[in-house]
Amino acid sequence: SKMFSQEGLGAFYAGFGPILFKQVPYTMAKFVVYEKVAEAVFRKY
């Protein structure tokens, strides 16, 4: 409420660029590495 009243809606998305830059590669690495590691293990066992 305080952020919205003092700085407007834009304050909530000032970090949208960085959060995309952070979270998209993060999630891509997270899912791909998990899938590949689990796949390799389950292929052998």
All heavy atoms as atom14 arrays in JSON, in Angstrom:
{
  "sequence": "SKMFSQEGLGAFYAGFGPILFKQVPYTMAKFVVYEKVAEAVFRKY",
  "atom14_mask": [
    [1, 1, 1, 1, 1, 1, 0, 0, 0, 0, 0, 0, 0, 0],
    [1, 1, 1, 1, 1, 1, 1, 1, 1, 0, 0, 0, 0, 0],
    [1, 1, 1, 1, 1, 1, 1, 1, 0, 0, 0, 0, 0, 0],
    [1, 1, 1, 1, 1, 1, 1, 1, 1, 1, 1, 0, 0, 0],
    [1, 1, 1, 1, 1, 1, 0, 0, 0, 0, 0, 0, 0, 0],
    [1, 1, 1, 1, 1, 1, 1, 1, 1, 0, 0, 0, 0, 0],
    [1, 1, 1, 1, 1, 1, 1, 1, 1, 0, 0, 0, 0, 0],
    [1, 1, 1, 1, 0, 0, 0, 0, 0, 0, 0, 0, 0, 0],
    [1, 1, 1, 1, 1, 1, 1, 1, 0, 0, 0, 0, 0, 0],
    [1, 1, 1, 1, 0, 0, 0, 0, 0, 0, 0, 0, 0, 0],
    [1, 1, 1, 1, 1, 0, 0, 0, 0, 0, 0, 0, 0, 0],
    [1, 1, 1, 1, 1, 1, 1, 1, 1, 1, 1, 0, 0, 0],
    [1, 1, 1, 1, 1, 1, 1, 1, 1, 1, 1, 1, 0, 0],
    [1, 1, 1, 1, 1, 0, 0, 0, 0, 0, 0, 0, 0, 0],
    [1, 1, 1, 1, 0, 0, 0, 0, 0, 0, 0, 0, 0, 0],
    [1, 1, 1, 1, 1, 1, 1, 1, 1, 1, 1, 0, 0, 0],
    [1, 1, 1, 1, 0, 0, 0, 0, 0, 0, 0, 0, 0, 0],
    [1, 1, 1, 1, 1, 1, 1, 0, 0, 0, 0, 0, 0, 0],
    [1, 1, 1, 1, 1, 1, 1, 1, 0, 0, 0, 0, 0, 0],
    [1, 1, 1, 1, 1, 1, 1, 1, 0, 0, 0, 0, 0, 0],
    [1, 1, 1, 1, 1, 1, 1, 1, 1, 1, 1, 0, 0, 0],
    [1, 1, 1, 1, 1, 1, 1, 1, 1, 0, 0, 0, 0, 0],
    [1, 1, 1, 1, 1, 1, 1, 1, 1, 0, 0, 0, 0, 0],
    [1, 1, 1, 1, 1, 1, 1, 0, 0, 0, 0, 0, 0, 0],
    [1, 1, 1, 1, 1, 1, 1, 0, 0, 0, 0, 0, 0, 0],
    [1, 1, 1, 1, 1, 1, 1, 1, 1, 1, 1, 1, 0, 0],
    [1, 1, 1, 1, 1, 1, 1, 0, 0, 0, 0, 0, 0, 0],
    [1, 1, 1, 1, 1, 1, 1, 1, 0, 0, 0, 0, 0, 0],
    [1, 1, 1, 1, 1, 0, 0, 0, 0, 0, 0, 0, 0, 0],
    [1, 1, 1, 1, 1, 1, 1, 1, 1, 0, 0, 0, 0, 0],
    [1, 1, 1, 1, 1, 1, 1, 1, 1, 1, 1, 0, 0, 0],
    [1, 1, 1, 1, 1, 1, 1, 0, 0, 0, 0, 0, 0, 0],
    [1, 1, 1, 1, 1, 1, 1, 0, 0, 0, 0, 0, 0, 0],
    [1, 1, 1, 1, 1, 1, 1, 1, 1, 1, 1, 1, 0, 0],
    [1, 1, 1, 1, 1, 1, 1, 1, 1, 0, 0, 0, 0, 0],
    [1, 1, 1, 1, 1, 1, 1, 1, 1, 0, 0, 0, 0, 0],
    [1, 1, 1, 1, 1, 1, 1, 0, 0, 0, 0, 0, 0, 0],
    [1, 1, 1, 1, 1, 0, 0, 0, 0, 0, 0, 0, 0, 0],
    [1, 1, 1, 1, 1, 1, 1, 1, 1, 0, 0, 0, 0, 0],
    [1, 1, 1, 1, 1, 0, 0, 0, 0, 0, 0, 0, 0, 0],
    [1, 1, 1, 1, 1, 1, 1, 0, 0, 0, 0, 0, 0, 0],
    [1, 1, 1, 1, 1, 1, 1, 1, 1, 1, 1, 0, 0, 0],
    [1, 1, 1, 1, 1, 1, 1, 1, 1, 1, 1, 0, 0, 0],
    [1, 1, 1, 1, 1, 1, 1, 1, 1, 0, 0, 0, 0, 0],
    [1, 1, 1, 1, 1, 1, 1, 1, 1, 1, 1, 1, 0, 0]
  ],
  "atom14_positions": [
    [[0.83, -1.21, 0.0], [0.0, 0.0, 0.0], [0.87, 1.26, 0.0], [0.59, 2.22, -0.73], [-0.92, 0.0, 1.22], [-1.79, -1.09, 1.2], [0.0, 0.0, 0.0], [0.0, 0.0, 0.0], [0.0, 0.0, 0.0], [0.0, 0.0, 0.0], [0.0, 0.0, 0.0], [0.0, 0.0, 0.0], [0.0, 0.0, 0.0], [0.0, 0.0, 0.0]],
    [[1.92, 1.25, 0.8], [2.8, 2.42, 0.89], [3.55, 2.64, -0.42], [3.65, 3.78, -0.91], [3.8, 2.23, 2.04], [4.67, 3.45, 2.3], [5.53, 3.25, 3.55], [6.39, 4.47, 3.82], [7.2, 4.31, 5.07], [0.0, 0.0, 0.0], [0.0, 0.0, 0.0], [0.0, 0.0, 0.0], [0.0, 0.0, 0.0], [0.0, 0.0, 0.0]],
    [[4.07, 1.57, -1.01], [4.77, 1.7, -2.29], [3.84, 2.25, -3.37], [4.21, 3.12, -4.16], [5.36, 0.36, -2.73], [6.62, -0.05, -2.0], [7.35, -1.57, -2.67], [7.98, -0.99, -4.24], [0.0, 0.0, 0.0], [0.0, 0.0, 0.0], [0.0, 0.0, 0.0], [0.0, 0.0, 0.0], [0.0, 0.0, 0.0], [0.0, 0.0, 0.0]],
    [[2.64, 1.72, -3.41], [1.69, 2.16, -4.44], [1.31, 3.61, -4.27], [1.25, 4.39, -5.24], [0.44, 1.28, -4.4], [-0.58, 1.63, -5.45], [-0.37, 1.29, -6.77], [-1.74, 2.33, -5.1], [-1.31, 1.63, -7.75], [-2.67, 2.67, -6.06], [-2.46, 2.32, -7.39], [0.0, 0.0, 0.0], [0.0, 0.0, 0.0], [0.0, 0.0, 0.0]],
    [[1.04, 4.02, -3.02], [0.6, 5.4, -2.78], [1.72, 6.41, -3.01], [1.47, 7.52, -3.48], [0.06, 5.54, -1.35], [1.08, 5.29, -0.39], [0.0, 0.0, 0.0], [0.0, 0.0, 0.0], [0.0, 0.0, 0.0], [0.0, 0.0, 0.0], [0.0, 0.0, 0.0], [0.0, 0.0, 0.0], [0.0, 0.0, 0.0], [0.0, 0.0, 0.0]],
    [[2.95, 6.03, -2.7], [4.08, 6.97, -2.81], [4.75, 6.95, -4.18], [5.24, 7.98, -4.65], [5.12, 6.67, -1.74], [4.65, 6.95, -0.32], [5.76, 6.77, 0.71], [6.84, 6.24, 0.41], [5.5, 7.18, 1.94], [0.0, 0.0, 0.0], [0.0, 0.0, 0.0], [0.0, 0.0, 0.0], [0.0, 0.0, 0.0], [0.0, 0.0, 0.0]],
    [[4.77, 5.79, -4.83], [5.57, 5.66, -6.05], [4.78, 5.18, -7.27], [5.29, 5.18, -8.39], [6.74, 4.71, -5.8], [7.64, 5.14, -4.64], [8.65, 4.06, -4.27], [9.28, 3.49, -5.19], [8.81, 3.78, -3.06], [0.0, 0.0, 0.0], [0.0, 0.0, 0.0], [0.0, 0.0, 0.0], [0.0, 0.0, 0.0], [0.0, 0.0, 0.0]],
    [[3.54, 4.75, -7.05], [2.71, 4.31, -8.16], [2.95, 2.87, -8.55], [3.84, 2.19, -8.04], [0.0, 0.0, 0.0], [0.0, 0.0, 0.0], [0.0, 0.0, 0.0], [0.0, 0.0, 0.0], [0.0, 0.0, 0.0], [0.0, 0.0, 0.0], [0.0, 0.0, 0.0], [0.0, 0.0, 0.0], [0.0, 0.0, 0.0], [0.0, 0.0, 0.0]],
    [[2.14, 2.39, -9.49], [2.2, 1.0, -9.93], [3.55, 0.64, -10.53], [4.03, -0.49, -10.4], [1.09, 0.75, -10.97], [0.97, -0.67, -11.52], [0.61, -1.66, -10.41], [-0.08, -0.71, -12.64], [0.0, 0.0, 0.0], [0.0, 0.0, 0.0], [0.0, 0.0, 0.0], [0.0, 0.0, 0.0], [0.0, 0.0, 0.0], [0.0, 0.0, 0.0]],
    [[4.19, 1.6, -11.18], [5.47, 1.33, -11.84], [6.55, 0.86, -10.88], [7.49, 0.15, -11.3], [0.0, 0.0, 0.0], [0.0, 0.0, 0.0], [0.0, 0.0, 0.0], [0.0, 0.0, 0.0], [0.0, 0.0, 0.0], [0.0, 0.0, 0.0], [0.0, 0.0, 0.0], [0.0, 0.0, 0.0], [0.0, 0.0, 0.0], [0.0, 0.0, 0.0]],
    [[6.45, 1.24, -9.61], [7.46, 0.84, -8.63], [7.51, -0.67, -8.47], [8.57, -1.25, -8.22], [7.18, 1.5, -7.28], [0.0, 0.0, 0.0], [0.0, 0.0, 0.0], [0.0, 0.0, 0.0], [0.0, 0.0, 0.0], [0.0, 0.0, 0.0], [0.0, 0.0, 0.0], [0.0, 0.0, 0.0], [0.0, 0.0, 0.0], [0.0, 0.0, 0.0]],
    [[6.36, -1.32, -8.63], [6.32, -2.78, -8.47], [6.99, -3.51, -9.63], [7.4, -4.66, -9.49], [4.86, -3.26, -8.36], [4.17, -2.78, -7.12], [3.07, -1.96, -7.2], [4.62, -3.16, -5.86], [2.42, -1.53, -6.06], [3.98, -2.75, -4.71], [2.87, -1.92, -4.8], [0.0, 0.0, 0.0], [0.0, 0.0, 0.0], [0.0, 0.0, 0.0]],
    [[7.1, -2.82, -10.77], [7.69, -3.45, -11.95], [8.99, -2.79, -12.38], [9.47, -3.04, -13.49], [6.68, -3.47, -13.1], [5.6, -4.52, -12.88], [4.39, -4.17, -12.28], [5.81, -5.84, -13.23], [3.42, -5.13, -12.04], [4.84, -6.81, -13.0], [3.65, -6.45, -12.4], [2.7, -7.42, -12.17], [0.0, 0.0, 0.0], [0.0, 0.0, 0.0]],
    [[9.58, -1.98, -11.5], [10.88, -1.37, -11.82], [11.93, -2.45, -12.01], [12.87, -2.29, -12.79], [11.3, -0.41, -10.71], [0.0, 0.0, 0.0], [0.0, 0.0, 0.0], [0.0, 0.0, 0.0], [0.0, 0.0, 0.0], [0.0, 0.0, 0.0], [0.0, 0.0, 0.0], [0.0, 0.0, 0.0], [0.0, 0.0, 0.0], [0.0, 0.0, 0.0]],
    [[11.77, -3.54, -11.31], [12.73, -4.64, -11.41], [12.3, -5.75, -12.34], [12.86, -6.86, -12.29], [0.0, 0.0, 0.0], [0.0, 0.0, 0.0], [0.0, 0.0, 0.0], [0.0, 0.0, 0.0], [0.0, 0.0, 0.0], [0.0, 0.0, 0.0], [0.0, 0.0, 0.0], [0.0, 0.0, 0.0], [0.0, 0.0, 0.0], [0.0, 0.0, 0.0]],
    [[11.3, -5.49, -13.21], [10.81, -6.56, -14.08], [11.88, -7.03, -15.06], [12.02, -8.23, -15.32], [9.56, -6.1, -14.84], [8.88, -7.22, -15.6], [8.39, -8.33, -14.94], [8.73, -7.15, -16.99], [7.76, -9.37, -15.63], [8.1, -8.18, -17.68], [7.61, -9.28, -17.01], [0.0, 0.0, 0.0], [0.0, 0.0, 0.0], [0.0, 0.0, 0.0]],
    [[12.64, -6.07, -15.62], [13.74, -6.45, -16.52], [14.75, -7.34, -15.82], [15.07, -8.44, -16.31], [0.0, 0.0, 0.0], [0.0, 0.0, 0.0], [0.0, 0.0, 0.0], [0.0, 0.0, 0.0], [0.0, 0.0, 0.0], [0.0, 0.0, 0.0], [0.0, 0.0, 0.0], [0.0, 0.0, 0.0], [0.0, 0.0, 0.0], [0.0, 0.0, 0.0]],
    [[15.29, -6.88, -14.67], [16.24, -7.72, -13.95], [15.65, -9.05, -13.49], [16.34, -10.07, -13.48], [16.63, -6.86, -12.73], [16.36, -5.47, -13.15], [15.2, -5.54, -14.09], [0.0, 0.0, 0.0], [0.0, 0.0, 0.0], [0.0, 0.0, 0.0], [0.0, 0.0, 0.0], [0.0, 0.0, 0.0], [0.0, 0.0, 0.0], [0.0, 0.0, 0.0]],
    [[14.37, -9.05, -13.12], [13.79, -10.31, -12.64], [13.66, -11.31, -13.79], [13.86, -12.51, -13.61], [12.44, -10.08, -11.92], [12.24, -11.15, -10.84], [11.26, -10.08, -12.85], [11.07, -10.9, -9.92], [0.0, 0.0, 0.0], [0.0, 0.0, 0.0], [0.0, 0.0, 0.0], [0.0, 0.0, 0.0], [0.0, 0.0, 0.0], [0.0, 0.0, 0.0]],
    [[13.35, -10.8, -14.99], [13.35, -11.69, -16.17], [14.75, -12.17, -16.47], [14.98, -13.35, -16.75], [12.78, -10.95, -17.38], [11.27, -10.76, -17.47], [10.92, -9.98, -18.74], [10.53, -12.09, -17.47], [0.0, 0.0, 0.0], [0.0, 0.0, 0.0], [0.0, 0.0, 0.0], [0.0, 0.0, 0.0], [0.0, 0.0, 0.0], [0.0, 0.0, 0.0]],
    [[15.7, -11.25, -16.43], [17.1, -11.56, -16.72], [17.64, -12.57, -15.71], [18.48, -13.41, -16.03], [17.91, -10.27, -16.68], [19.35, -10.42, -17.05], [19.74, -11.1, -18.2], [20.35, -9.87, -16.25], [21.07, -11.24, -18.54], [21.69, -10.01, -16.58], [22.04, -10.68, -17.73], [0.0, 0.0, 0.0], [0.0, 0.0, 0.0], [0.0, 0.0, 0.0]],
    [[17.11, -12.5, -14.5], [17.51, -13.44, -13.45], [16.73, -14.75, -13.55], [17.31, -15.84, -13.6], [17.27, -12.81, -12.07], [17.29, -13.79, -10.91], [16.65, -13.19, -9.66], [16.37, -14.24, -8.6], [15.65, -13.68, -7.44], [0.0, 0.0, 0.0], [0.0, 0.0, 0.0], [0.0, 0.0, 0.0], [0.0, 0.0, 0.0], [0.0, 0.0, 0.0]],
    [[15.4, -14.65, -13.57], [14.57, -15.83, -13.4], [14.47, -16.72, -14.64], [14.35, -17.94, -14.52], [13.16, -15.42, -12.96], [13.06, -14.93, -11.53], [13.32, -16.03, -10.51], [14.05, -15.82, -9.54], [12.75, -17.19, -10.71], [0.0, 0.0, 0.0], [0.0, 0.0, 0.0], [0.0, 0.0, 0.0], [0.0, 0.0, 0.0], [0.0, 0.0, 0.0]],
    [[14.48, -16.12, -15.84], [14.34, -16.96, -17.04], [15.55, -17.87, -17.22], [15.39, -19.09, -17.34], [14.06, -16.09, -18.29], [14.13, -16.95, -19.55], [12.68, -15.44, -18.18], [0.0, 0.0, 0.0], [0.0, 0.0, 0.0], [0.0, 0.0, 0.0], [0.0, 0.0, 0.0], [0.0, 0.0, 0.0], [0.0, 0.0, 0.0], [0.0, 0.0, 0.0]],
    [[16.8, -17.35, -17.2], [17.94, -18.28, -17.26], [17.99, -19.22, -16.07], [18.36, -20.39, -16.2], [19.16, -17.35, -17.27], [18.65, -16.04, -17.71], [17.24, -15.95, -17.19], [0.0, 0.0, 0.0], [0.0, 0.0, 0.0], [0.0, 0.0, 0.0], [0.0, 0.0, 0.0], [0.0, 0.0, 0.0], [0.0, 0.0, 0.0], [0.0, 0.0, 0.0]],
    [[17.61, -18.72, -14.91], [17.57, -19.53, -13.69], [16.66, -20.74, -13.88], [17.03, -21.88, -13.61], [17.09, -18.65, -12.53], [16.69, -19.38, -11.26], [17.61, -19.57, -10.24], [15.39, -19.84, -11.08], [17.25, -20.22, -9.06], [15.02, -20.5, -9.91], [15.95, -20.68, -8.9], [15.58, -21.32, -7.75], [0.0, 0.0, 0.0], [0.0, 0.0, 0.0]],
    [[15.44, -20.47, -14.35], [14.47, -21.55, -14.51], [14.85, -22.49, -15.65], [14.65, -23.71, -15.55], [13.06, -20.95, -14.75], [12.72, -20.16, -13.61], [12.02, -22.02, -14.94], [0.0, 0.0, 0.0], [0.0, 0.0, 0.0], [0.0, 0.0, 0.0], [0.0, 0.0, 0.0], [0.0, 0.0, 0.0], [0.0, 0.0, 0.0], [0.0, 0.0, 0.0]],
    [[15.39, -21.95, -16.72], [15.84, -22.8, -17.82], [16.93, -23.76, -17.35], [16.87, -24.97, -17.62], [16.35, -21.94, -18.98], [15.25, -21.14, -19.68], [15.89, -19.89, -20.81], [16.4, -20.92, -22.19], [0.0, 0.0, 0.0], [0.0, 0.0, 0.0], [0.0, 0.0, 0.0], [0.0, 0.0, 0.0], [0.0, 0.0, 0.0], [0.0, 0.0, 0.0]],
    [[17.91, -23.23, -16.62], [18.98, -24.09, -16.09], [18.42, -25.08, -15.08], [18.78, -26.26, -15.07], [20.07, -23.22, -15.44], [0.0, 0.0, 0.0], [0.0, 0.0, 0.0], [0.0, 0.0, 0.0], [0.0, 0.0, 0.0], [0.0, 0.0, 0.0], [0.0, 0.0, 0.0], [0.0, 0.0, 0.0], [0.0, 0.0, 0.0], [0.0, 0.0, 0.0]],
    [[17.53, -24.62, -14.24], [16.95, -25.45, -13.18], [16.23, -26.67, -13.76], [16.49, -27.82, -13.35], [15.98, -24.59, -12.37], [15.08, -25.33, -11.39], [14.21, -24.29, -10.68], [13.13, -24.92, -9.84], [12.37, -23.91, -9.08], [0.0, 0.0, 0.0], [0.0, 0.0, 0.0], [0.0, 0.0, 0.0], [0.0, 0.0, 0.0], [0.0, 0.0, 0.0]],
    [[15.34, -26.45, -14.71], [14.57, -27.57, -15.25], [15.41, -28.46, -16.16], [15.31, -29.69, -16.09], [13.35, -27.05, -16.02], [12.18, -26.72, -15.13], [11.72, -25.42, -14.99], [11.52, -27.72, -14.42], [10.64, -25.12, -14.18], [10.44, -27.43, -13.61], [9.99, -26.13, -13.48], [0.0, 0.0, 0.0], [0.0, 0.0, 0.0], [0.0, 0.0, 0.0]],
    [[16.23, -27.86, -17.02], [17.01, -28.67, -17.95], [18.02, -29.54, -17.21], [18.14, -30.75, -17.48], [17.74, -27.78, -18.99], [18.74, -28.6, -19.79], [16.72, -27.16, -19.93], [0.0, 0.0, 0.0], [0.0, 0.0, 0.0], [0.0, 0.0, 0.0], [0.0, 0.0, 0.0], [0.0, 0.0, 0.0], [0.0, 0.0, 0.0], [0.0, 0.0, 0.0]],
    [[18.75, -28.96, -16.26], [19.74, -29.74, -15.52], [19.06, -30.83, -14.71], [19.51, -31.99, -14.68], [20.61, -28.83, -14.63], [21.52, -29.66, -13.73], [21.44, -27.89, -15.49], [0.0, 0.0, 0.0], [0.0, 0.0, 0.0], [0.0, 0.0, 0.0], [0.0, 0.0, 0.0], [0.0, 0.0, 0.0], [0.0, 0.0, 0.0], [0.0, 0.0, 0.0]],
    [[17.95, -30.48, -14.06], [17.21, -31.51, -13.31], [16.77, -32.65, -14.22], [16.96, -33.83, -13.9], [15.99, -30.89, -12.62], [15.06, -31.96, -12.06], [15.34, -32.58, -10.86], [13.94, -32.38, -12.79], [14.52, -33.59, -10.37], [13.12, -33.38, -12.29], [13.41, -33.98, -11.09], [12.62, -34.97, -10.61], [0.0, 0.0, 0.0], [0.0, 0.0, 0.0]],
    [[16.15, -32.3, -15.34], [15.63, -33.33, -16.25], [16.75, -34.24, -16.76], [16.61, -35.46, -16.81], [14.93, -32.67, -17.45], [13.71, -31.83, -17.1], [12.41, -32.62, -17.11], [12.47, -33.86, -17.01], [11.35, -31.99, -17.24], [0.0, 0.0, 0.0], [0.0, 0.0, 0.0], [0.0, 0.0, 0.0], [0.0, 0.0, 0.0], [0.0, 0.0, 0.0]],
    [[17.89, -33.62, -17.13], [18.99, -34.4, -17.71], [19.66, -35.29, -16.67], [20.01, -36.44, -16.94], [20.01, -33.48, -18.37], [19.46, -32.57, -19.45], [18.75, -33.32, -20.56], [19.68, -33.89, -21.57], [18.96, -34.47, -22.73], [0.0, 0.0, 0.0], [0.0, 0.0, 0.0], [0.0, 0.0, 0.0], [0.0, 0.0, 0.0], [0.0, 0.0, 0.0]],
    [[19.87, -34.77, -15.46], [20.5, -35.57, -14.41], [19.58, -36.73, -14.0], [20.01, -37.88, -13.92], [20.84, -34.7, -13.18], [21.33, -35.57, -12.02], [21.92, -33.67, -13.54], [0.0, 0.0, 0.0], [0.0, 0.0, 0.0], [0.0, 0.0, 0.0], [0.0, 0.0, 0.0], [0.0, 0.0, 0.0], [0.0, 0.0, 0.0], [0.0, 0.0, 0.0]],
    [[18.3, -36.41, -13.76], [17.35, -37.46, -13.37], [17.2, -38.5, -14.48], [17.14, -39.71, -14.22], [16.0, -36.84, -13.04], [0.0, 0.0, 0.0], [0.0, 0.0, 0.0], [0.0, 0.0, 0.0], [0.0, 0.0, 0.0], [0.0, 0.0, 0.0], [0.0, 0.0, 0.0], [0.0, 0.0, 0.0], [0.0, 0.0, 0.0], [0.0, 0.0, 0.0]],
    [[17.17, -38.03, -15.72], [17.05, -38.94, -16.86], [18.23, -39.89, -16.93], [18.07, -41.1, -17.19], [16.96, -38.1, -18.14], [16.68, -38.86, -19.41], [16.61, -37.94, -20.61], [15.87, -36.93, -20.54], [17.29, -38.23, -21.62], [0.0, 0.0, 0.0], [0.0, 0.0, 0.0], [0.0, 0.0, 0.0], [0.0, 0.0, 0.0], [0.0, 0.0, 0.0]],
    [[19.45, -39.35, -16.71], [20.65, -40.19, -16.75], [20.63, -41.25, -15.65], [21.0, -42.42, -15.88], [21.88, -39.31, -16.61], [0.0, 0.0, 0.0], [0.0, 0.0, 0.0], [0.0, 0.0, 0.0], [0.0, 0.0, 0.0], [0.0, 0.0, 0.0], [0.0, 0.0, 0.0], [0.0, 0.0, 0.0], [0.0, 0.0, 0.0], [0.0, 0.0, 0.0]],
    [[20.18, -40.85, -14.47], [20.12, -41.8, -13.35], [19.09, -42.88, -13.62], [19.35, -44.09, -13.46], [19.8, -41.08, -12.02], [19.58, -42.09, -10.9], [20.93, -40.12, -11.66], [0.0, 0.0, 0.0], [0.0, 0.0, 0.0], [0.0, 0.0, 0.0], [0.0, 0.0, 0.0], [0.0, 0.0, 0.0], [0.0, 0.0, 0.0], [0.0, 0.0, 0.0]],
    [[17.89, -42.45, -14.06], [16.81, -43.42, -14.27], [17.06, -44.31, -15.48], [16.49, -45.39, -15.59], [15.47, -42.71, -14.4], [14.97, -42.1, -13.12], [14.49, -40.8, -13.08], [15.0, -42.83, -11.94], [14.03, -40.24, -11.89], [14.55, -42.29, -10.75], [14.06, -41.0, -10.72], [0.0, 0.0, 0.0], [0.0, 0.0, 0.0], [0.0, 0.0, 0.0]],
    [[17.92, -43.86, -16.41], [18.29, -44.72, -17.53], [19.14, -45.89, -17.05], [19.01, -47.02, -17.54], [19.05, -43.92, -18.58], [19.31, -44.71, -19.88], [20.13, -43.91, -20.88], [19.41, -42.71, -21.31], [19.85, -41.48, -21.11], [20.98, -41.27, -20.45], [19.16, -40.45, -21.55], [0.0, 0.0, 0.0], [0.0, 0.0, 0.0], [0.0, 0.0, 0.0]],
    [[20.0, -45.61, -16.09], [20.88, -46.66, -15.56], [20.18, -47.5, -14.51], [20.39, -48.73, -14.41], [22.15, -46.04, -14.98], [23.2, -47.06, -14.59], [24.55, -46.4, -14.28], [25.62, -47.45, -13.98], [26.94, -46.82, -13.7], [0.0, 0.0, 0.0], [0.0, 0.0, 0.0], [0.0, 0.0, 0.0], [0.0, 0.0, 0.0], [0.0, 0.0, 0.0]],
    [[19.37, -46.83, -13.68], [18.64, -47.52, -12.62], [17.15, -47.23, -12.82], [16.66, -46.2, -12.37], [19.1, -47.03, -11.25], [20.58, -47.15, -11.02], [21.41, -46.04, -11.14], [21.16, -48.38, -10.69], [22.77, -46.14, -10.94], [22.52, -48.48, -10.49], [23.33, -47.36, -10.62], [24.68, -47.48, -10.43], [0.0, 0.0, 0.0], [0.0, 0.0, 0.0]]
  ]
}
